[in-house]
Amino acid sequence: MCVCVCACVRACVFISHYCYVFRALFDYDPTHDAGLPGRGLDFKFGHILNVVGDDDADWWHAVRVVPDDGGSGVVPSKRR
C-alpha cells in the first residue's frame, strides 16, 4: 500500500514502514520558512526525496535522491 501524506508530492513509492520516496510538485526554499527545527533541505519541482524520518508531525527529515547530490535536511510535512 502506498500512502502519500505530503502536500508537496504527486507520486510516492512505499519502501518500508518508515521510508517513503516523493516527487516534489513545487520549489521549496527553507530560508523563507520560519520555525525550522533543524537545517532545511531545499528542493525544486521534480526532485525526488527519500523521507527517512517522520517523528515530527510538521517536519520530516529527508535525503535528496534526484539529483543525487547528498543533500539532506528538514522538509515540511503535509501539516505545514
C-alpha atoms as a PDB file:
ATOM      1  CA  MET A   1       0.000   0.000   0.000  1.00  0.00           C
ATOM      2  CA  CYS A   2       1.265   3.463  -0.903  1.00  0.00           C
ATOM      3  CA  VAL A   3       0.140   6.486   1.091  1.00  0.00           C
ATOM      4  CA  CYS A   4       1.199   9.988   0.066  1.00  0.00           C
ATOM      5  CA  VAL A   5       0.821  12.316   3.006  1.00  0.00           C
ATOM      6  CA  CYS A   6       2.871  15.349   1.966  1.00  0.00           C
ATOM      7  CA  ALA A   7       1.376  18.349   0.205  1.00  0.00           C
ATOM      8  CA  CYS A   8       4.480  18.630  -1.974  1.00  0.00           C
ATOM      9  CA  VAL A   9       4.103  15.274  -3.701  1.00  0.00           C
ATOM     10  CA  ARG A  10       2.229  13.640  -6.513  1.00  0.00           C
ATOM     11  CA  ALA A  11       3.738  10.161  -6.618  1.00  0.00           C
ATOM     12  CA  CYS A  12       5.278   8.027  -3.935  1.00  0.00           C
ATOM     13  CA  VAL A  13       6.567   4.526  -3.535  1.00  0.00           C
ATOM     14  CA  PHE A  14       6.290   2.620  -0.262  1.00  0.00           C
ATOM     15  CA  ILE A  15       9.783   1.434   0.676  1.00  0.00           C
ATOM     16  CA  SER A  16       9.334   0.290   4.275  1.00  0.00           C
ATOM     17  CA  HIS A  17       7.294   1.266   7.298  1.00  0.00           C
ATOM     18  CA  TYR A  18       9.291   4.463   7.819  1.00  0.00           C
ATOM     19  CA  CYS A  19      10.745   5.318   4.426  1.00  0.00           C
ATOM     20  CA  TYR A  20       8.906   6.997   1.569  1.00  0.00           C
ATOM     21  CA  VAL A  21      10.040   8.362  -1.777  1.00  0.00           C
ATOM     22  CA  PHE A  22       8.309  11.515  -3.025  1.00  0.00           C
ATOM     23  CA  ARG A  23       8.446  13.689  -6.138  1.00  0.00           C
ATOM     24  CA  ALA A  24       8.298  17.432  -5.408  1.00  0.00           C
ATOM     25  CA  LEU A  25       5.427  19.339  -7.001  1.00  0.00           C
ATOM     26  CA  PHE A  26       6.864  22.782  -6.260  1.00  0.00           C
ATOM     27  CA  ASP A  27      10.099  24.530  -5.351  1.00  0.00           C
ATOM     28  CA  TYR A  28      10.874  24.915  -1.645  1.00  0.00           C
ATOM     29  CA  ASP A  29      13.389  27.347  -0.132  1.00  0.00           C
ATOM     30  CA  PRO A  30      13.875  26.813   3.611  1.00  0.00           C
ATOM     31  CA  THR A  31      15.366  30.302   4.057  1.00  0.00           C
ATOM     32  CA  HIS A  32      11.821  31.685   3.668  1.00  0.00           C
ATOM     33  CA  ASP A  33      10.295  29.356   6.282  1.00  0.00           C
ATOM     34  CA  ALA A  34      10.249  30.351   9.949  1.00  0.00           C
ATOM     35  CA  GLY A  35      10.406  27.832  12.751  1.00  0.00           C
ATOM     36  CA  LEU A  36      12.561  25.130  11.162  1.00  0.00           C
ATOM     37  CA  PRO A  37      13.627  22.632  13.846  1.00  0.00           C
ATOM     38  CA  GLY A  38      16.917  21.950  12.029  1.00  0.00           C
ATOM     39  CA  ARG A  39      18.766  22.518   8.788  1.00  0.00           C
ATOM     40  CA  GLY A  40      16.240  22.789   5.982  1.00  0.00           C
ATOM     41  CA  LEU A  41      16.554  20.943   2.683  1.00  0.00           C
ATOM     42  CA  ASP A  42      15.764  22.967  -0.417  1.00  0.00           C
ATOM     43  CA  PHE A  43      14.226  21.217  -3.398  1.00  0.00           C
ATOM     44  CA  LYS A  44      12.903  22.019  -6.845  1.00  0.00           C
ATOM     45  CA  PHE A  45       9.922  20.769  -8.834  1.00  0.00           C
ATOM     46  CA  GLY A  46      10.625  17.195  -9.934  1.00  0.00           C
ATOM     47  CA  HIS A  47      13.291  16.418  -7.353  1.00  0.00           C
ATOM     48  CA  ILE A  48      12.966  13.001  -5.698  1.00  0.00           C
ATOM     49  CA  LEU A  49      13.113  12.978  -1.893  1.00  0.00           C
ATOM     50  CA  ASN A  50      13.541   9.976   0.365  1.00  0.00           C
ATOM     51  CA  VAL A  51      11.802  10.688   3.689  1.00  0.00           C
ATOM     52  CA  VAL A  52      13.805   8.859   6.347  1.00  0.00           C
ATOM     53  CA  GLY A  53      12.265  10.350   9.484  1.00  0.00           C
ATOM     54  CA  ASP A  54       8.677  11.339  10.209  1.00  0.00           C
ATOM     55  CA  ASP A  55       8.676  11.613  14.001  1.00  0.00           C
ATOM     56  CA  ASP A  56       7.529  15.248  13.888  1.00  0.00           C
ATOM     57  CA  ALA A  57       4.037  15.870  12.513  1.00  0.00           C
ATOM     58  CA  ASP A  58       5.109  19.206  10.970  1.00  0.00           C
ATOM     59  CA  TRP A  59       8.613  18.422   9.700  1.00  0.00           C
ATOM     60  CA  TRP A  60      10.231  15.361   8.147  1.00  0.00           C
ATOM     61  CA  HIS A  61      13.893  14.515   7.656  1.00  0.00           C
ATOM     62  CA  ALA A  62      14.640  13.786   4.007  1.00  0.00           C
ATOM     63  CA  VAL A  63      17.512  12.961   1.674  1.00  0.00           C
ATOM     64  CA  ARG A  64      17.512  14.275  -1.884  1.00  0.00           C
ATOM     65  CA  VAL A  65      17.747  11.271  -4.250  1.00  0.00           C
ATOM     66  CA  VAL A  66      17.458  13.047  -7.616  1.00  0.00           C
ATOM     67  CA  PRO A  67      19.624  14.926  -8.172  1.00  0.00           C
ATOM     68  CA  ASP A  68      21.961  12.663  -6.201  1.00  0.00           C
ATOM     69  CA  ASP A  69      23.986  15.372  -4.505  1.00  0.00           C
ATOM     70  CA  GLY A  70      23.924  14.071  -0.939  1.00  0.00           C
ATOM     71  CA  GLY A  71      21.644  16.856   0.255  1.00  0.00           C
ATOM     72  CA  SER A  72      19.685  16.142   3.424  1.00  0.00           C
ATOM     73  CA  GLY A  73      17.681  18.093   5.947  1.00  0.00           C
ATOM     74  CA  VAL A  74      14.241  19.002   7.197  1.00  0.00           C
ATOM     75  CA  VAL A  75      11.288  19.389   4.809  1.00  0.00           C
ATOM     76  CA  PRO A  76       7.689  20.417   5.553  1.00  0.00           C
ATOM     77  CA  SER A  77       5.124  17.677   6.062  1.00  0.00           C
ATOM     78  CA  LYS A  78       1.518  17.833   4.911  1.00  0.00           C
ATOM     79  CA  ARG A  79       0.543  19.714   8.075  1.00  0.00           C
ATOM     80  CA  ARG A  80       2.858  22.625   7.169  1.00  0.00           C
END
